[in-house]
């Protein structure tokens, strides 16, 4: 694939539209998974297929099992951390 350079704009809600040429070139459709990797002042966005996504999240799922956390615990933890950050 040849190099594509496009510019986007972030909305007030932090949303960025991926330009059509890039979406089509990457084969991204509604519901596609992407991985964000930040390094210094660069952001890499990588398309992730479901097999790769499962490989990436496997260690996280194993850690959750060991911790005894339930999915229903997460919203309260997020709210508590946001309060502590303020």
PDB file of N, CA and C in Angstrom:
ATOM      1  N   UNK A   1       0.852  -1.191   0.000  1.00  0.00           N
ATOM      2  CA  UNK A   1       0.000   0.000   0.000  1.00  0.00           C
ATOM      3  C   UNK A   1       0.886   1.239   0.000  1.00  0.00           C
ATOM      4  N   UNK A   2       0.538   2.205  -0.795  1.00  0.00           N
ATOM      5  CA  UNK A   2       1.314   3.435  -0.851  1.00  0.00           C
ATOM      6  C   UNK A   2       0.977   4.327   0.346  1.00  0.00           C
ATOM      7  N   UNK A   3       1.836   5.289   0.598  1.00  0.00           N
ATOM      8  CA  UNK A   3       1.662   6.187   1.736  1.00  0.00           C
ATOM      9  C   UNK A   3       0.533   7.170   1.470  1.00  0.00           C
ATOM     10  N   UNK A   4      -0.332   7.360   2.459  1.00  0.00           N
ATOM     11  CA  UNK A   4      -1.417   8.339   2.400  1.00  0.00           C
ATOM     12  C   UNK A   4      -1.227   9.316   3.545  1.00  0.00           C
ATOM     13  N   UNK A   5      -1.380  10.568   3.270  1.00  0.00           N
ATOM     14  CA  UNK A   5      -1.315  11.588   4.311  1.00  0.00           C
ATOM     15  C   UNK A   5      -2.607  12.385   4.251  1.00  0.00           C
ATOM     16  N   UNK A   6      -3.331  12.397   5.339  1.00  0.00           N
ATOM     17  CA  UNK A   6      -4.599  13.122   5.430  1.00  0.00           C
ATOM     18  C   UNK A   6      -4.615  13.871   6.757  1.00  0.00           C
ATOM     19  N   UNK A   7      -5.426  14.907   6.851  1.00  0.00           N
ATOM     20  CA  UNK A   7      -5.561  15.661   8.088  1.00  0.00           C
ATOM     21  C   UNK A   7      -6.995  15.548   8.581  1.00  0.00           C
ATOM     22  N   UNK A   8      -7.145  15.428   9.883  1.00  0.00           N
ATOM     23  CA  UNK A   8      -8.458  15.380  10.499  1.00  0.00           C
ATOM     24  C   UNK A   8      -8.562  16.441  11.575  1.00  0.00           C
ATOM     25  N   UNK A   9      -9.749  16.598  12.125  1.00  0.00           N
ATOM     26  CA  UNK A   9      -9.990  17.574  13.179  1.00  0.00           C
ATOM     27  C   UNK A   9     -10.687  16.877  14.337  1.00  0.00           C
ATOM     28  N   UNK A  10     -10.275  17.190  15.555  1.00  0.00           N
ATOM     29  CA  UNK A  10     -10.890  16.606  16.725  1.00  0.00           C
ATOM     30  C   UNK A  10     -12.112  17.419  17.144  1.00  0.00           C
ATOM     31  N   UNK A  11     -13.192  16.717  17.490  1.00  0.00           N
ATOM     32  CA  UNK A  11     -14.404  17.390  17.956  1.00  0.00           C
ATOM     33  C   UNK A  11     -14.257  17.746  19.433  1.00  0.00           C
ATOM     34  N   UNK A  12     -15.221  18.470  19.949  1.00  0.00           N
ATOM     35  CA  UNK A  12     -15.201  18.853  21.370  1.00  0.00           C
ATOM     36  C   UNK A  12     -15.323  17.629  22.277  1.00  0.00           C
ATOM     37  N   UNK A  13     -15.815  16.519  21.734  1.00  0.00           N
ATOM     38  CA  UNK A  13     -15.944  15.285  22.503  1.00  0.00           C
ATOM     39  C   UNK A  13     -14.733  14.369  22.338  1.00  0.00           C
ATOM     40  N   UNK A  14     -13.683  14.848  21.664  1.00  0.00           N
ATOM     41  CA  UNK A  14     -12.474  14.047  21.495  1.00  0.00           C
ATOM     42  C   UNK A  14     -12.558  13.041  20.367  1.00  0.00           C
ATOM     43  N   UNK A  15     -13.532  13.211  19.493  1.00  0.00           N
ATOM     44  CA  UNK A  15     -13.703  12.270  18.385  1.00  0.00           C
ATOM     45  C   UNK A  15     -12.989  12.790  17.142  1.00  0.00           C
ATOM     46  N   UNK A  16     -12.357  11.855  16.432  1.00  0.00           N
ATOM     47  CA  UNK A  16     -11.675  12.187  15.185  1.00  0.00           C
ATOM     48  C   UNK A  16     -12.237  11.289  14.094  1.00  0.00           C
ATOM     49  N   UNK A  17     -12.579  11.878  12.964  1.00  0.00           N
ATOM     50  CA  UNK A  17     -13.058  11.110  11.827  1.00  0.00           C
ATOM     51  C   UNK A  17     -11.851  10.634  11.034  1.00  0.00           C
ATOM     52  N   UNK A  18     -11.793   9.335  10.758  1.00  0.00           N
ATOM     53  CA  UNK A  18     -10.722   8.800   9.913  1.00  0.00           C
ATOM     54  C   UNK A  18     -11.134   9.062   8.471  1.00  0.00           C
ATOM     55  N   UNK A  19     -10.309   9.783   7.707  1.00  0.00           N
ATOM     56  CA  UNK A  19     -10.674  10.125   6.329  1.00  0.00           C
ATOM     57  C   UNK A  19     -11.029   8.891   5.494  1.00  0.00           C
ATOM     58  N   UNK A  20     -11.971   9.070   4.567  1.00  0.00           N
ATOM     59  CA  UNK A  20     -12.503   7.984   3.743  1.00  0.00           C
ATOM     60  C   UNK A  20     -11.412   7.182   3.051  1.00  0.00           C
ATOM     61  N   UNK A  21     -10.456   7.845   2.409  1.00  0.00           N
ATOM     62  CA  UNK A  21      -9.402   7.123   1.692  1.00  0.00           C
ATOM     63  C   UNK A  21      -8.622   6.201   2.624  1.00  0.00           C
ATOM     64  N   UNK A  22      -8.381   6.656   3.840  1.00  0.00           N
ATOM     65  CA  UNK A  22      -7.634   5.844   4.800  1.00  0.00           C
ATOM     66  C   UNK A  22      -8.497   4.691   5.302  1.00  0.00           C
ATOM     67  N   UNK A  23      -9.770   4.963   5.621  1.00  0.00           N
ATOM     68  CA  UNK A  23     -10.673   3.885   6.057  1.00  0.00           C
ATOM     69  C   UNK A  23     -10.759   2.803   5.001  1.00  0.00           C
ATOM     70  N   UNK A  24     -10.946   3.219   3.756  1.00  0.00           N
ATOM     71  CA  UNK A  24     -11.071   2.236   2.674  1.00  0.00           C
ATOM     72  C   UNK A  24      -9.759   1.483   2.473  1.00  0.00           C
ATOM     73  N   UNK A  25      -8.641   2.194   2.516  1.00  0.00           N
ATOM     74  CA  UNK A  25      -7.339   1.554   2.335  1.00  0.00           C
ATOM     75  C   UNK A  25      -7.014   0.549   3.418  1.00  0.00           C
ATOM     76  N   UNK A  26      -7.498   0.802   4.634  1.00  0.00           N
ATOM     77  CA  UNK A  26      -7.252  -0.098   5.760  1.00  0.00           C
ATOM     78  C   UNK A  26      -8.334  -1.168   5.909  1.00  0.00           C
ATOM     79  N   UNK A  27      -9.405  -1.034   5.132  1.00  0.00           N
ATOM     80  CA  UNK A  27     -10.501  -1.990   5.247  1.00  0.00           C
ATOM     81  C   UNK A  27     -11.288  -1.820   6.532  1.00  0.00           C
ATOM     82  N   UNK A  28     -11.355  -0.589   7.045  1.00  0.00           N
ATOM     83  CA  UNK A  28     -12.081  -0.314   8.285  1.00  0.00           C
ATOM     84  C   UNK A  28     -13.554  -0.067   7.995  1.00  0.00           C
ATOM     85  N   UNK A  29     -14.392  -0.727   8.753  1.00  0.00           N
ATOM     86  CA  UNK A  29     -15.835  -0.553   8.638  1.00  0.00           C
ATOM     87  C   UNK A  29     -16.393  -0.308  10.040  1.00  0.00           C
ATOM     88  N   UNK A  30     -17.650   0.046  10.116  1.00  0.00           N
ATOM     89  CA  UNK A  30     -18.269   0.252  11.427  1.00  0.00           C
ATOM     90  C   UNK A  30     -18.064  -0.994  12.282  1.00  0.00           C
ATOM     91  N   UNK A  31     -17.608  -0.795  13.503  1.00  0.00           N
ATOM     92  CA  UNK A  31     -17.367  -1.900  14.411  1.00  0.00           C
ATOM     93  C   UNK A  31     -15.958  -2.465  14.344  1.00  0.00           C
ATOM     94  N   UNK A  32     -15.143  -2.007  13.390  1.00  0.00           N
ATOM     95  CA  UNK A  32     -13.757  -2.477  13.306  1.00  0.00           C
ATOM     96  C   UNK A  32     -13.007  -2.070  14.563  1.00  0.00           C
ATOM     97  N   UNK A  33     -12.096  -2.914  15.000  1.00  0.00           N
ATOM     98  CA  UNK A  33     -11.277  -2.625  16.174  1.00  0.00           C
ATOM     99  C   UNK A  33      -9.973  -1.990  15.733  1.00  0.00           C
ATOM    100  N   UNK A  34      -9.522  -0.981  16.484  1.00  0.00           N
ATOM    101  CA  UNK A  34      -8.229  -0.349  16.234  1.00  0.00           C
ATOM    102  C   UNK A  34      -7.485  -0.262  17.565  1.00  0.00           C
ATOM    103  N   UNK A  35      -6.176  -0.279  17.473  1.00  0.00           N
ATOM    104  CA  UNK A  35      -5.314  -0.193  18.633  1.00  0.00           C
ATOM    105  C   UNK A  35      -4.589   1.139  18.573  1.00  0.00           C
ATOM    106  N   UNK A  36      -4.549   1.886  19.688  1.00  0.00           N
ATOM    107  CA  UNK A  36      -3.856   3.166  19.759  1.00  0.00           C
ATOM    108  C   UNK A  36      -2.563   2.984  20.536  1.00  0.00           C
ATOM    109  N   UNK A  37      -1.454   3.427  19.959  1.00  0.00           N
ATOM    110  CA  UNK A  37      -0.153   3.347  20.621  1.00  0.00           C
ATOM    111  C   UNK A  37       0.458   4.742  20.618  1.00  0.00           C
ATOM    112  N   UNK A  38       0.706   5.294  21.814  1.00  0.00           N
ATOM    113  CA  UNK A  38       1.288   6.623  21.917  1.00  0.00           C
ATOM    114  C   UNK A  38       2.761   6.504  22.292  1.00  0.00           C
ATOM    115  N   UNK A  39       3.584   7.260  21.601  1.00  0.00           N
ATOM    116  CA  UNK A  39       5.013   7.301  21.891  1.00  0.00           C
ATOM    117  C   UNK A  39       5.484   8.738  21.691  1.00  0.00           C
ATOM    118  N   UNK A  40       5.916   9.375  22.777  1.00  0.00           N
ATOM    119  CA  UNK A  40       6.313  10.782  22.731  1.00  0.00           C
ATOM    120  C   UNK A  40       5.182  11.612  22.130  1.00  0.00           C
ATOM    121  N   UNK A  41       5.430  12.262  20.984  1.00  0.00           N
ATOM    122  CA  UNK A  41       4.385  13.101  20.390  1.00  0.00           C
ATOM    123  C   UNK A  41       3.744  12.446  19.166  1.00  0.00           C
ATOM    124  N   UNK A  42       3.852  11.118  19.061  1.00  0.00           N
ATOM    125  CA  UNK A  42       3.275  10.395  17.927  1.00  0.00           C
ATOM    126  C   UNK A  42       2.193   9.440  18.399  1.00  0.00           C
ATOM    127  N   UNK A  43       1.200   9.245  17.555  1.00  0.00           N
ATOM    128  CA  UNK A  43       0.118   8.313  17.835  1.00  0.00           C
ATOM    129  C   UNK A  43      -0.005   7.379  16.651  1.00  0.00           C
ATOM    130  N   UNK A  44       0.094   6.084  16.905  1.00  0.00           N
ATOM    131  CA  UNK A  44      -0.059   5.068  15.876  1.00  0.00           C
ATOM    132  C   UNK A  44      -1.429   4.438  16.053  1.00  0.00           C
ATOM    133  N   UNK A  45      -2.165   4.326  14.969  1.00  0.00           N
ATOM    134  CA  UNK A  45      -3.456   3.646  14.994  1.00  0.00           C
ATOM    135  C   UNK A  45      -3.323   2.426  14.103  1.00  0.00           C
ATOM    136  N   UNK A  46      -3.544   1.235  14.676  1.00  0.00           N
ATOM    137  CA  UNK A  46      -3.352  -0.006  13.949  1.00  0.00           C
ATOM    138  C   UNK A  46      -4.654  -0.781  13.903  1.00  0.00           C
ATOM    139  N   UNK A  47      -4.995  -1.258  12.712  1.00  0.00           N
ATOM    140  CA  UNK A  47      -6.182  -2.107  12.572  1.00  0.00           C
ATOM    141  C   UNK A  47      -5.890  -3.424  13.279  1.00  0.00           C
ATOM    142  N   UNK A  48      -6.878  -3.924  13.995  1.00  0.00           N
ATOM    143  CA  UNK A  48      -6.723  -5.158  14.743  1.00  0.00           C
ATOM    144  C   UNK A  48      -7.833  -6.111  14.328  1.00  0.00           C
ATOM    145  N   UNK A  49      -7.456  -7.303  13.868  1.00  0.00           N
ATOM    146  CA  UNK A  49      -8.508  -8.284  13.593  1.00  0.00           C
ATOM    147  C   UNK A  49      -8.865  -8.978  14.899  1.00  0.00           C
ATOM    148  N   UNK A  50      -9.937  -9.713  14.933  1.00  0.00           N
ATOM    149  CA  UNK A  50     -10.415 -10.279  16.193  1.00  0.00           C
ATOM    150  C   UNK A  50      -9.430 -11.277  16.778  1.00  0.00           C
ATOM    151  N   UNK A  51      -8.707 -12.023  15.961  1.00  0.00           N
ATOM    152  CA  UNK A  51      -7.717 -12.955  16.482  1.00  0.00           C
ATOM    153  C   UNK A  51      -6.607 -12.186  17.190  1.00  0.00           C
ATOM    154  N   UNK A  52      -6.129 -11.132  16.568  1.00  0.00           N
ATOM    155  CA  UNK A  52      -5.089 -10.314  17.173  1.00  0.00           C
ATOM    156  C   UNK A  52      -5.611  -9.659  18.445  1.00  0.00           C
ATOM    157  N   UNK A  53      -6.855  -9.176  18.412  1.00  0.00           N
ATOM    158  CA  UNK A  53      -7.449  -8.537  19.581  1.00  0.00           C
ATOM    159  C   UNK A  53      -7.503  -9.523  20.743  1.00  0.00           C
ATOM    160  N   UNK A  54      -7.856 -10.769  20.464  1.00  0.00           N
ATOM    161  CA  UNK A  54      -7.905 -11.791  21.508  1.00  0.00           C
ATOM    162  C   UNK A  54      -6.505 -12.026  22.084  1.00  0.00           C
ATOM    163  N   UNK A  55      -5.501 -12.037  21.232  1.00  0.00           N
ATOM    164  CA  UNK A  55      -4.120 -12.224  21.701  1.00  0.00           C
ATOM    165  C   UNK A  55      -3.683 -11.065  22.594  1.00  0.00           C
ATOM    166  N   UNK A  56      -4.063  -9.851  22.215  1.00  0.00           N
ATOM    167  CA  UNK A  56      -3.683  -8.669  22.983  1.00  0.00           C
ATOM    168  C   UNK A  56      -4.357  -8.657  24.349  1.00  0.00           C
ATOM    169  N   UNK A  57      -5.633  -9.026  24.375  1.00  0.00           N
ATOM    170  CA  UNK A  57      -6.392  -8.929  25.620  1.00  0.00           C
ATOM    171  C   UNK A  57      -6.269 -10.155  26.522  1.00  0.00           C
ATOM    172  N   UNK A  58      -5.699 -11.249  26.032  1.00  0.00           N
ATOM    173  CA  UNK A  58      -5.592 -12.465  26.833  1.00  0.00           C
ATOM    174  C   UNK A  58      -4.895 -12.228  28.175  1.00  0.00           C
ATOM    175  N   UNK A  59      -3.704 -11.575  28.194  1.00  0.00           N
ATOM    176  CA  UNK A  59      -3.069 -11.336  29.507  1.00  0.00           C
ATOM    177  C   UNK A  59      -3.914 -10.465  30.430  1.00  0.00           C
ATOM    178  N   UNK A  60      -4.657  -9.523  29.855  1.00  0.00           N
ATOM    179  CA  UNK A  60      -5.515  -8.663  30.677  1.00  0.00           C
ATOM    180  C   UNK A  60      -6.653  -9.468  31.293  1.00  0.00           C
ATOM    181  N   UNK A  61      -7.244 -10.351  30.503  1.00  0.00           N
ATOM    182  CA  UNK A  61      -8.342 -11.182  31.010  1.00  0.00           C
ATOM    183  C   UNK A  61      -7.856 -12.121  32.102  1.00  0.00           C
ATOM    184  N   UNK A  62      -6.641 -12.659  31.940  1.00  0.00           N
ATOM    185  CA  UNK A  62      -6.072 -13.541  32.959  1.00  0.00           C
ATOM    186  C   UNK A  62      -5.815 -12.772  34.256  1.00  0.00           C
ATOM    187  N   UNK A  63      -5.331 -11.538  34.132  1.00  0.00           N
ATOM    188  CA  UNK A  63      -5.080 -10.712  35.323  1.00  0.00           C
ATOM    189  C   UNK A  63      -6.378 -10.392  36.053  1.00  0.00           C
ATOM    190  N   UNK A  64      -7.450 -10.140  35.284  1.00  0.00           N
ATOM    191  CA  UNK A  64      -8.750  -9.850  35.893  1.00  0.00           C
ATOM    192  C   UNK A  64      -9.247 -11.065  36.667  1.00  0.00           C
ATOM    193  N   UNK A  65      -9.093 -12.261  36.089  1.00  0.00           N
ATOM    194  CA  UNK A  65      -9.525 -13.475  36.791  1.00  0.00           C
ATOM    195  C   UNK A  65      -8.796 -13.629  38.123  1.00  0.00           C
ATOM    196  N   UNK A  66      -7.485 -13.379  38.118  1.00  0.00           N
ATOM    197  CA  UNK A  66      -6.691 -13.505  39.338  1.00  0.00           C
ATOM    198  C   UNK A  66      -7.084 -12.456  40.375  1.00  0.00           C
ATOM    199  N   UNK A  67      -7.508 -11.269  39.911  1.00  0.00           N
ATOM    200  CA  UNK A  67      -7.832 -10.178  40.833  1.00  0.00           C
ATOM    201  C   UNK A  67      -9.177 -10.370  41.517  1.00  0.00           C
ATOM    202  N   UNK A  68     -10.051 -11.150  40.905  1.00  0.00           N
ATOM    203  CA  UNK A  68     -11.380 -11.349  41.469  1.00  0.00           C
ATOM    204  C   UNK A  68     -12.355 -10.231  41.130  1.00  0.00           C
ATOM    205  N   UNK A  69     -11.947  -9.288  40.259  1.00  0.00           N
ATOM    206  CA  UNK A  69     -12.839  -8.197  39.860  1.00  0.00           C
ATOM    207  C   UNK A  69     -13.955  -8.717  38.965  1.00  0.00           C
ATOM    208  N   UNK A  70     -15.102  -8.048  39.061  1.00  0.00           N
ATOM    209  CA  UNK A  70     -16.216  -8.338  38.170  1.00  0.00           C
ATOM    210  C   UNK A  70     -16.435  -7.124  37.273  1.00  0.00           C
ATOM    211  N   UNK A  71     -17.002  -7.337  36.120  1.00  0.00           N
ATOM    212  CA  UNK A  71     -17.261  -6.228  35.195  1.00  0.00           C
ATOM    213  C   UNK A  71     -18.109  -5.152  35.854  1.00  0.00           C
ATOM    214  N   UNK A  72     -19.017  -5.544  36.709  1.00  0.00           N
ATOM    215  CA  UNK A  72     -19.886  -4.577  37.380  1.00  0.00           C
ATOM    216  C   UNK A  72     -19.127  -3.674  38.359  1.00  0.00           C
ATOM    217  N   UNK A  73     -17.897  -4.065  38.752  1.00  0.00           N
ATOM    218  CA  UNK A  73     -17.068  -3.249  39.656  1.00  0.00           C
ATOM    219  C   UNK A  73     -16.413  -2.067  38.939  1.00  0.00           C
ATOM    220  N   UNK A  74     -16.251  -2.167  37.643  1.00  0.00           N
ATOM    221  CA  UNK A  74     -15.444  -1.209  36.881  1.00  0.00           C
ATOM    222  C   UNK A  74     -15.997   0.219  36.904  1.00  0.00           C
ATOM    223  N   UNK A  75     -17.295   0.445  36.633  1.00  0.00           N
ATOM    224  CA  UNK A  75     -17.773   1.842  36.644  1.00  0.00           C
ATOM    225  C   UNK A  75     -17.502   2.566  37.960  1.00  0.00           C
ATOM    226  N   UNK A  76     -17.698   1.885  39.090  1.00  0.00           N
ATOM    227  CA  UNK A  76     -17.433   2.518  40.386  1.00  0.00           C
ATOM    228  C   UNK A  76     -15.950   2.846  40.541  1.00  0.00           C
ATOM    229  N   UNK A  77     -15.075   1.960  40.074  1.00  0.00           N
ATOM    230  CA  UNK A  77     -13.636   2.205  40.153  1.00  0.00           C
ATOM    231  C   UNK A  77     -13.243   3.413  39.303  1.00  0.00           C
ATOM    232  N   UNK A  78     -13.827   3.524  38.122  1.00  0.00           N
ATOM    233  CA  UNK A  78     -13.535   4.654  37.239  1.00  0.00           C
ATOM    234  C   UNK A  78     -13.972   5.960  37.898  1.00  0.00           C
ATOM    235  N   UNK A  79     -15.183   5.989  38.442  1.00  0.00           N
ATOM    236  CA  UNK A  79     -15.684   7.198  39.101  1.00  0.00           C
ATOM    237  C   UNK A  79     -14.803   7.583  40.283  1.00  0.00           C
ATOM    238  N   UNK A  80     -14.369   6.597  41.067  1.00  0.00           N
ATOM    239  CA  UNK A  80     -13.521   6.863  42.227  1.00  0.00           C
ATOM    240  C   UNK A  80     -12.177   7.447  41.784  1.00  0.00           C
ATOM    241  N   UNK A  81     -11.583   6.869  40.742  1.00  0.00           N
ATOM    242  CA  UNK A  81     -10.291   7.385  40.249  1.00  0.00           C
ATOM    243  C   UNK A  81     -10.417   8.789  39.700  1.00  0.00           C
ATOM    244  N   UNK A  82     -11.520   9.068  39.025  1.00  0.00           N
ATOM    245  CA  UNK A  82     -11.733  10.435  38.508  1.00  0.00           C
ATOM    246  C   UNK A  82     -11.879  11.437  39.641  1.00  0.00           C
ATOM    247  N   UNK A  83     -12.562  11.058  40.714  1.00  0.00           N
ATOM    248  CA  UNK A  83     -12.702  11.938  41.877  1.00  0.00           C
ATOM    249  C   UNK A  83     -11.331  12.223  42.499  1.00  0.00           C
ATOM    250  N   UNK A  84     -10.521  11.177  42.625  1.00  0.00           N
ATOM    251  CA  UNK A  84      -9.187  11.327  43.239  1.00  0.00           C
ATOM    252  C   UNK A  84      -8.277  12.193  42.381  1.00  0.00           C
ATOM    253  N   UNK A  85      -8.462  12.178  41.077  1.00  0.00           N
ATOM    254  CA  UNK A  85      -7.626  12.939  40.168  1.00  0.00           C
ATOM    255  C   UNK A  85      -7.925  14.425  40.226  1.00  0.00           C
ATOM    256  N   UNK A  86      -9.149  14.793  40.598  1.00  0.00           N
ATOM    257  CA  UNK A  86      -9.546  16.210  40.632  1.00  0.00           C
ATOM    258  C   UNK A  86      -8.975  16.907  41.778  1.00  0.00           C
TER     259      UNK A  86
END
